[in-house]
């Protein structure tokens, strides 16, 4: 079924959709950034970049169950993301973000560095997919993640709404821990709705104080 989904998306995405694009962003403190987003590539650079998020304790401390992923797990993700992108026609299954330039007011980030990745991953045959994002530590509390999600949705949602094939993405979901204010604010600022009456999502992972597994669910209705 994943093949059917990716084939459908391939037909509604033009070749231009694969092209990297840049945009400017100004944070509340007046710092200005020029950011590049592009689909993941089969390069050593992108493989190592995934390790800077999935394989690092601080970025992963607020992601899912808080567990740092092993190199084997990171390599598996890299393999899946690049295969889906290059062979199944879905260029934005994993979007990589890089800082092209930055104003003098910014002291934590430098031009050329990797910012993080955003992933849109199909769940099942019911038309559900999940958005997730992990950014390196220096990007937090600047509004960068909100801007990245907005730009990604700006590209992807019109394509999904225009998909006339039998299989559709019905809802795009995302989760955030209640205590991770920055993460759920990203979703609310990008017009995600909180799932009413459901409460938290409970993982099979044993919950600890350091890595709580309860998460709020948010969604955007696509079709």
C-alpha atoms as a PDB file:
ATOM      1  CA  UNK A   1       0.000   0.000   0.000  1.00  0.00           C
ATOM      2  CA  UNK A   2       2.894   2.382   0.658  1.00  0.00           C
ATOM      3  CA  UNK A   3       3.886   1.921  -2.999  1.00  0.00           C
ATOM      4  CA  UNK A   4       0.398   2.953  -4.114  1.00  0.00           C
ATOM      5  CA  UNK A   5       0.589   6.026  -1.909  1.00  0.00           C
ATOM      6  CA  UNK A   6       3.986   7.095  -3.203  1.00  0.00           C
ATOM      7  CA  UNK A   7       2.974   6.421  -6.821  1.00  0.00           C
ATOM      8  CA  UNK A   8      -0.074   8.646  -6.335  1.00  0.00           C
ATOM      9  CA  UNK A   9       2.037  11.423  -4.882  1.00  0.00           C
ATOM     10  CA  UNK A  10       4.519  11.122  -7.704  1.00  0.00           C
ATOM     11  CA  UNK A  11       1.783  11.849 -10.222  1.00  0.00           C
ATOM     12  CA  UNK A  12       0.667  15.034  -8.477  1.00  0.00           C
ATOM     13  CA  UNK A  13       4.149  16.405  -7.802  1.00  0.00           C
ATOM     14  CA  UNK A  14       5.987  18.139 -10.593  1.00  0.00           C
ATOM     15  CA  UNK A  15       9.728  17.836 -11.087  1.00  0.00           C
ATOM     16  CA  UNK A  16      10.052  21.283  -9.541  1.00  0.00           C
ATOM     17  CA  UNK A  17       8.804  19.886  -6.251  1.00  0.00           C
ATOM     18  CA  UNK A  18      12.101  18.041  -5.872  1.00  0.00           C
ATOM     19  CA  UNK A  19      14.133  21.231  -6.076  1.00  0.00           C
ATOM     20  CA  UNK A  20      15.643  22.789  -2.948  1.00  0.00           C
ATOM     21  CA  UNK A  21      14.209  26.152  -2.001  1.00  0.00           C
ATOM     22  CA  UNK A  22      15.279  29.011   0.240  1.00  0.00           C
ATOM     23  CA  UNK A  23      13.323  31.448   2.356  1.00  0.00           C
ATOM     24  CA  UNK A  24      14.010  34.296   4.756  1.00  0.00           C
ATOM     25  CA  UNK A  25      12.894  34.341   8.360  1.00  0.00           C
ATOM     26  CA  UNK A  26      13.121  36.999  11.096  1.00  0.00           C
ATOM     27  CA  UNK A  27      12.874  35.932  14.733  1.00  0.00           C
ATOM     28  CA  UNK A  28      11.248  37.943  17.510  1.00  0.00           C
ATOM     29  CA  UNK A  29      14.644  39.181  18.687  1.00  0.00           C
ATOM     30  CA  UNK A  30      15.343  40.689  15.265  1.00  0.00           C
ATOM     31  CA  UNK A  31      17.809  38.076  14.025  1.00  0.00           C
ATOM     32  CA  UNK A  32      17.384  37.276  10.334  1.00  0.00           C
ATOM     33  CA  UNK A  33      18.054  33.917   8.725  1.00  0.00           C
ATOM     34  CA  UNK A  34      18.142  32.555   5.217  1.00  0.00           C
ATOM     35  CA  UNK A  35      17.207  28.880   5.319  1.00  0.00           C
ATOM     36  CA  UNK A  36      17.460  26.173   2.680  1.00  0.00           C
ATOM     37  CA  UNK A  37      15.131  23.160   2.684  1.00  0.00           C
ATOM     38  CA  UNK A  38      15.629  20.194   0.389  1.00  0.00           C
ATOM     39  CA  UNK A  39      14.734  16.502   0.180  1.00  0.00           C
ATOM     40  CA  UNK A  40      17.175  14.127   1.819  1.00  0.00           C
ATOM     41  CA  UNK A  41      19.979  12.917  -0.460  1.00  0.00           C
ATOM     42  CA  UNK A  42      22.012   9.705  -0.568  1.00  0.00           C
ATOM     43  CA  UNK A  43      25.164  11.403   0.695  1.00  0.00           C
ATOM     44  CA  UNK A  44      27.464  10.867   3.643  1.00  0.00           C
ATOM     45  CA  UNK A  45      26.682  14.431   4.727  1.00  0.00           C
ATOM     46  CA  UNK A  46      22.965  13.711   5.120  1.00  0.00           C
ATOM     47  CA  UNK A  47      23.612  10.397   6.872  1.00  0.00           C
ATOM     48  CA  UNK A  48      25.847  12.193   9.373  1.00  0.00           C
ATOM     49  CA  UNK A  49      23.275  14.982   9.769  1.00  0.00           C
ATOM     50  CA  UNK A  50      20.631  12.497  10.914  1.00  0.00           C
ATOM     51  CA  UNK A  51      23.092  11.390  13.568  1.00  0.00           C
ATOM     52  CA  UNK A  52      23.265  14.955  14.898  1.00  0.00           C
ATOM     53  CA  UNK A  53      19.596  14.761  15.826  1.00  0.00           C
ATOM     54  CA  UNK A  54      18.511  11.118  16.232  1.00  0.00           C
ATOM     55  CA  UNK A  55      21.861  10.152  17.737  1.00  0.00           C
ATOM     56  CA  UNK A  56      22.261  13.063  20.167  1.00  0.00           C
ATOM     57  CA  UNK A  57      20.928  13.193  23.715  1.00  0.00           C
ATOM     58  CA  UNK A  58      19.769  16.827  23.864  1.00  0.00           C
ATOM     59  CA  UNK A  59      17.702  16.910  20.630  1.00  0.00           C
ATOM     60  CA  UNK A  60      16.185  13.511  21.468  1.00  0.00           C
ATOM     61  CA  UNK A  61      15.360  14.444  25.066  1.00  0.00           C
ATOM     62  CA  UNK A  62      12.001  15.836  23.919  1.00  0.00           C
ATOM     63  CA  UNK A  63      11.353  13.423  21.049  1.00  0.00           C
ATOM     64  CA  UNK A  64       9.033  10.419  21.458  1.00  0.00           C
ATOM     65  CA  UNK A  65      10.281   8.378  24.417  1.00  0.00           C
ATOM     66  CA  UNK A  66      13.493  10.380  24.782  1.00  0.00           C
ATOM     67  CA  UNK A  67      15.721   7.509  23.659  1.00  0.00           C
ATOM     68  CA  UNK A  68      18.852   8.242  21.636  1.00  0.00           C
ATOM     69  CA  UNK A  69      18.733   6.091  18.504  1.00  0.00           C
ATOM     70  CA  UNK A  70      21.533   3.637  17.774  1.00  0.00           C
ATOM     71  CA  UNK A  71      23.652   3.992  14.652  1.00  0.00           C
ATOM     72  CA  UNK A  72      21.885   0.943  13.205  1.00  0.00           C
ATOM     73  CA  UNK A  73      18.499   2.611  13.700  1.00  0.00           C
ATOM     74  CA  UNK A  74      19.752   5.861  12.181  1.00  0.00           C
ATOM     75  CA  UNK A  75      21.130   3.998   9.167  1.00  0.00           C
ATOM     76  CA  UNK A  76      17.779   2.239   8.721  1.00  0.00           C
ATOM     77  CA  UNK A  77      15.940   5.559   8.733  1.00  0.00           C
ATOM     78  CA  UNK A  78      18.446   6.990   6.269  1.00  0.00           C
ATOM     79  CA  UNK A  79      17.947   4.008   3.964  1.00  0.00           C
ATOM     80  CA  UNK A  80      14.149   4.215   4.148  1.00  0.00           C
ATOM     81  CA  UNK A  81      13.969   7.973   3.650  1.00  0.00           C
ATOM     82  CA  UNK A  82      16.313   8.013   0.674  1.00  0.00           C
ATOM     83  CA  UNK A  83      14.599   5.022  -0.968  1.00  0.00           C
ATOM     84  CA  UNK A  84      11.162   6.570  -0.563  1.00  0.00           C
ATOM     85  CA  UNK A  85      12.464   9.826  -1.997  1.00  0.00           C
ATOM     86  CA  UNK A  86      14.464   8.484  -4.935  1.00  0.00           C
ATOM     87  CA  UNK A  87      12.498   5.408  -5.982  1.00  0.00           C
ATOM     88  CA  UNK A  88       8.914   5.965  -4.864  1.00  0.00           C
ATOM     89  CA  UNK A  89       8.371   9.515  -5.999  1.00  0.00           C
ATOM     90  CA  UNK A  90       7.796  11.285  -2.676  1.00  0.00           C
ATOM     91  CA  UNK A  91      10.482  13.974  -2.322  1.00  0.00           C
ATOM     92  CA  UNK A  92       9.416  15.411   1.027  1.00  0.00           C
ATOM     93  CA  UNK A  93       9.238  12.295   3.164  1.00  0.00           C
ATOM     94  CA  UNK A  94      12.320  13.758   4.877  1.00  0.00           C
ATOM     95  CA  UNK A  95      13.123  17.449   4.468  1.00  0.00           C
ATOM     96  CA  UNK A  96      16.595  18.585   5.488  1.00  0.00           C
ATOM     97  CA  UNK A  97      17.078  22.172   6.668  1.00  0.00           C
ATOM     98  CA  UNK A  98      20.330  24.135   6.518  1.00  0.00           C
ATOM     99  CA  UNK A  99      21.258  27.699   7.460  1.00  0.00           C
ATOM    100  CA  UNK A 100      22.515  29.611   4.431  1.00  0.00           C
ATOM    101  CA  UNK A 101      23.191  32.934   6.156  1.00  0.00           C
ATOM    102  CA  UNK A 102      22.456  34.692   9.435  1.00  0.00           C
ATOM    103  CA  UNK A 103      22.564  38.254  10.769  1.00  0.00           C
ATOM    104  CA  UNK A 104      25.169  39.457  13.233  1.00  0.00           C
ATOM    105  CA  UNK A 105      22.659  39.394  16.123  1.00  0.00           C
ATOM    106  CA  UNK A 106      22.647  35.579  16.125  1.00  0.00           C
ATOM    107  CA  UNK A 107      25.415  34.103  18.263  1.00  0.00           C
ATOM    108  CA  UNK A 108      24.533  30.381  18.497  1.00  0.00           C
ATOM    109  CA  UNK A 109      24.156  29.433  14.841  1.00  0.00           C
ATOM    110  CA  UNK A 110      26.582  29.773  11.963  1.00  0.00           C
ATOM    111  CA  UNK A 111      26.072  29.880   8.211  1.00  0.00           C
ATOM    112  CA  UNK A 112      26.165  26.487   6.528  1.00  0.00           C
ATOM    113  CA  UNK A 113      25.210  24.415   9.535  1.00  0.00           C
ATOM    114  CA  UNK A 114      22.541  21.724   9.666  1.00  0.00           C
ATOM    115  CA  UNK A 115      19.365  22.799  11.505  1.00  0.00           C
ATOM    116  CA  UNK A 116      17.334  19.596  11.603  1.00  0.00           C
ATOM    117  CA  UNK A 117      14.909  17.427   9.664  1.00  0.00           C
ATOM    118  CA  UNK A 118      11.154  17.216   9.191  1.00  0.00           C
ATOM    119  CA  UNK A 119       9.535  13.893   8.278  1.00  0.00           C
ATOM    120  CA  UNK A 120       6.090  13.094   6.835  1.00  0.00           C
ATOM    121  CA  UNK A 121       5.608   9.353   7.162  1.00  0.00           C
ATOM    122  CA  UNK A 122       2.531   7.271   6.177  1.00  0.00           C
ATOM    123  CA  UNK A 123       0.997   5.218   8.982  1.00  0.00           C
ATOM    124  CA  UNK A 124      -1.493   2.770   7.524  1.00  0.00           C
ATOM    125  CA  UNK A 125      -4.199   2.060   4.927  1.00  0.00           C
ATOM    126  CA  UNK A 126      -6.658   4.474   6.547  1.00  0.00           C
ATOM    127  CA  UNK A 127      -5.088   7.536   4.981  1.00  0.00           C
ATOM    128  CA  UNK A 128      -3.151   8.734   8.024  1.00  0.00           C
ATOM    129  CA  UNK A 129       0.382  10.111   8.031  1.00  0.00           C
ATOM    130  CA  UNK A 130       2.544  11.611  10.758  1.00  0.00           C
ATOM    131  CA  UNK A 131       4.615  14.773  10.805  1.00  0.00           C
ATOM    132  CA  UNK A 132       7.655  14.767  13.079  1.00  0.00           C
ATOM    133  CA  UNK A 133      10.546  17.167  13.486  1.00  0.00           C
ATOM    134  CA  UNK A 134      13.846  17.229  15.353  1.00  0.00           C
ATOM    135  CA  UNK A 135      16.096  20.280  15.418  1.00  0.00           C
ATOM    136  CA  UNK A 136      19.580  20.711  16.833  1.00  0.00           C
ATOM    137  CA  UNK A 137      19.741  22.480  20.182  1.00  0.00           C
ATOM    138  CA  UNK A 138      20.822  25.918  18.971  1.00  0.00           C
ATOM    139  CA  UNK A 139      17.621  26.280  16.922  1.00  0.00           C
ATOM    140  CA  UNK A 140      15.215  26.084  19.836  1.00  0.00           C
ATOM    141  CA  UNK A 141      13.015  28.982  21.025  1.00  0.00           C
ATOM    142  CA  UNK A 142      13.683  31.108  17.964  1.00  0.00           C
ATOM    143  CA  UNK A 143      10.594  30.363  15.871  1.00  0.00           C
ATOM    144  CA  UNK A 144      12.678  28.448  13.337  1.00  0.00           C
ATOM    145  CA  UNK A 145      10.754  25.196  13.687  1.00  0.00           C
ATOM    146  CA  UNK A 146       7.422  26.996  13.262  1.00  0.00           C
ATOM    147  CA  UNK A 147       8.716  28.560  10.049  1.00  0.00           C
ATOM    148  CA  UNK A 148      10.065  25.237   8.737  1.00  0.00           C
ATOM    149  CA  UNK A 149       6.778  23.421   9.340  1.00  0.00           C
ATOM    150  CA  UNK A 150       4.834  26.246   7.692  1.00  0.00           C
ATOM    151  CA  UNK A 151       6.987  26.108   4.560  1.00  0.00           C
ATOM    152  CA  UNK A 152       6.793  22.325   4.325  1.00  0.00           C
ATOM    153  CA  UNK A 153       3.002  22.309   4.661  1.00  0.00           C
ATOM    154  CA  UNK A 154       2.759  25.115   2.117  1.00  0.00           C
ATOM    155  CA  UNK A 155       4.354  22.797  -0.424  1.00  0.00           C
ATOM    156  CA  UNK A 156       2.844  19.452   0.532  1.00  0.00           C
ATOM    157  CA  UNK A 157      -0.810  20.131   1.444  1.00  0.00           C
ATOM    158  CA  UNK A 158      -1.942  21.550  -1.927  1.00  0.00           C
ATOM    159  CA  UNK A 159      -0.518  18.448  -3.592  1.00  0.00           C
ATOM    160  CA  UNK A 160      -2.349  16.127  -1.224  1.00  0.00           C
ATOM    161  CA  UNK A 161      -5.632  18.000  -1.631  1.00  0.00           C
ATOM    162  CA  UNK A 162      -5.314  17.742  -5.401  1.00  0.00           C
ATOM    163  CA  UNK A 163      -4.655  14.016  -5.356  1.00  0.00           C
ATOM    164  CA  UNK A 164      -7.504  12.340  -7.265  1.00  0.00           C
ATOM    165  CA  UNK A 165      -6.181   8.790  -6.875  1.00  0.00           C
ATOM    166  CA  UNK A 166      -7.986   6.126  -4.877  1.00  0.00           C
ATOM    167  CA  UNK A 167      -5.619   6.317  -1.928  1.00  0.00           C
ATOM    168  CA  UNK A 168      -5.388   9.619  -0.079  1.00  0.00           C
ATOM    169  CA  UNK A 169      -3.772  10.979   3.025  1.00  0.00           C
ATOM    170  CA  UNK A 170      -6.861  11.806   5.039  1.00  0.00           C
ATOM    171  CA  UNK A 171      -5.221  13.354   8.074  1.00  0.00           C
ATOM    172  CA  UNK A 172      -1.747  14.535   8.900  1.00  0.00           C
ATOM    173  CA  UNK A 173      -1.045  13.845  12.566  1.00  0.00           C
ATOM    174  CA  UNK A 174       1.637  15.030  14.975  1.00  0.00           C
ATOM    175  CA  UNK A 175       2.268  14.470  18.673  1.00  0.00           C
ATOM    176  CA  UNK A 176       3.807  16.589  21.409  1.00  0.00           C
ATOM    177  CA  UNK A 177       4.402  16.090  25.107  1.00  0.00           C
ATOM    178  CA  UNK A 178       2.284  18.379  27.296  1.00  0.00           C
ATOM    179  CA  UNK A 179       5.424  19.694  28.995  1.00  0.00           C
ATOM    180  CA  UNK A 180       7.139  20.415  25.669  1.00  0.00           C
ATOM    181  CA  UNK A 181       5.524  23.802  25.172  1.00  0.00           C
ATOM    182  CA  UNK A 182       7.706  24.742  22.213  1.00  0.00           C
ATOM    183  CA  UNK A 183       6.717  21.647  20.249  1.00  0.00           C
ATOM    184  CA  UNK A 184       2.948  21.926  20.621  1.00  0.00           C
ATOM    185  CA  UNK A 185       3.078  25.662  19.993  1.00  0.00           C
ATOM    186  CA  UNK A 186       4.692  24.886  16.623  1.00  0.00           C
ATOM    187  CA  UNK A 187       1.640  22.775  15.780  1.00  0.00           C
ATOM    188  CA  UNK A 188      -0.943  25.244  17.031  1.00  0.00           C
ATOM    189  CA  UNK A 189       0.699  28.135  15.176  1.00  0.00           C
ATOM    190  CA  UNK A 190       0.481  26.026  12.006  1.00  0.00           C
ATOM    191  CA  UNK A 191      -3.275  25.433  12.424  1.00  0.00           C
ATOM    192  CA  UNK A 192      -3.144  21.884  13.772  1.00  0.00           C
ATOM    193  CA  UNK A 193      -6.179  20.972  15.872  1.00  0.00           C
ATOM    194  CA  UNK A 194      -5.835  19.111  19.162  1.00  0.00           C
ATOM    195  CA  UNK A 195      -7.647  15.774  19.265  1.00  0.00           C
ATOM    196  CA  UNK A 196     -10.601  16.336  21.575  1.00  0.00           C
ATOM    197  CA  UNK A 197     -11.473  13.780  24.201  1.00  0.00           C
ATOM    198  CA  UNK A 198      -8.509  11.534  23.476  1.00  0.00           C
ATOM    199  CA  UNK A 199      -6.053  12.984  25.937  1.00  0.00           C
ATOM    200  CA  UNK A 200      -2.550  11.604  25.896  1.00  0.00           C
ATOM    201  CA  UNK A 201      -1.162   8.885  23.677  1.00  0.00           C
ATOM    202  CA  UNK A 202       0.315   6.037  25.695  1.00  0.00           C
ATOM    203  CA  UNK A 203       3.396   4.280  24.417  1.00  0.00           C
ATOM    204  CA  UNK A 204       4.366   0.720  25.272  1.00  0.00           C
ATOM    205  CA  UNK A 205       7.660   2.139  26.497  1.00  0.00           C
ATOM    206  CA  UNK A 206       7.940   2.261  30.284  1.00  0.00           C
ATOM    207  CA  UNK A 207       7.344   5.820  31.418  1.00  0.00           C
ATOM    208  CA  UNK A 208       9.973   7.541  33.514  1.00  0.00           C
ATOM    209  CA  UNK A 209      10.264  11.030  34.917  1.00  0.00           C
ATOM    210  CA  UNK A 210      13.089  11.738  32.484  1.00  0.00           C
ATOM    211  CA  UNK A 211      11.272  10.387  29.441  1.00  0.00           C
ATOM    212  CA  UNK A 212       7.469  10.654  29.784  1.00  0.00           C
ATOM    213  CA  UNK A 213       5.568   8.835  27.056  1.00  0.00           C
ATOM    214  CA  UNK A 214       2.208  10.635  27.298  1.00  0.00           C
ATOM    215  CA  UNK A 215       1.662  12.866  24.286  1.00  0.00           C
ATOM    216  CA  UNK A 216      -1.065  15.084  22.952  1.00  0.00           C
ATOM    217  CA  UNK A 217      -2.257  14.364  19.425  1.00  0.00           C
ATOM    218  CA  UNK A 218      -2.771  17.087  16.843  1.00  0.00           C
ATOM    219  CA  UNK A 219      -3.978  16.858  13.277  1.00  0.00           C
ATOM    220  CA  UNK A 220      -4.744  18.702  10.061  1.00  0.00           C
ATOM    221  CA  UNK A 221      -7.647  17.382   7.988  1.00  0.00           C
ATOM    222  CA  UNK A 222      -6.417  17.049   4.402  1.00  0.00           C
ATOM    223  CA  UNK A 223      -9.484  15.619   2.624  1.00  0.00           C
END
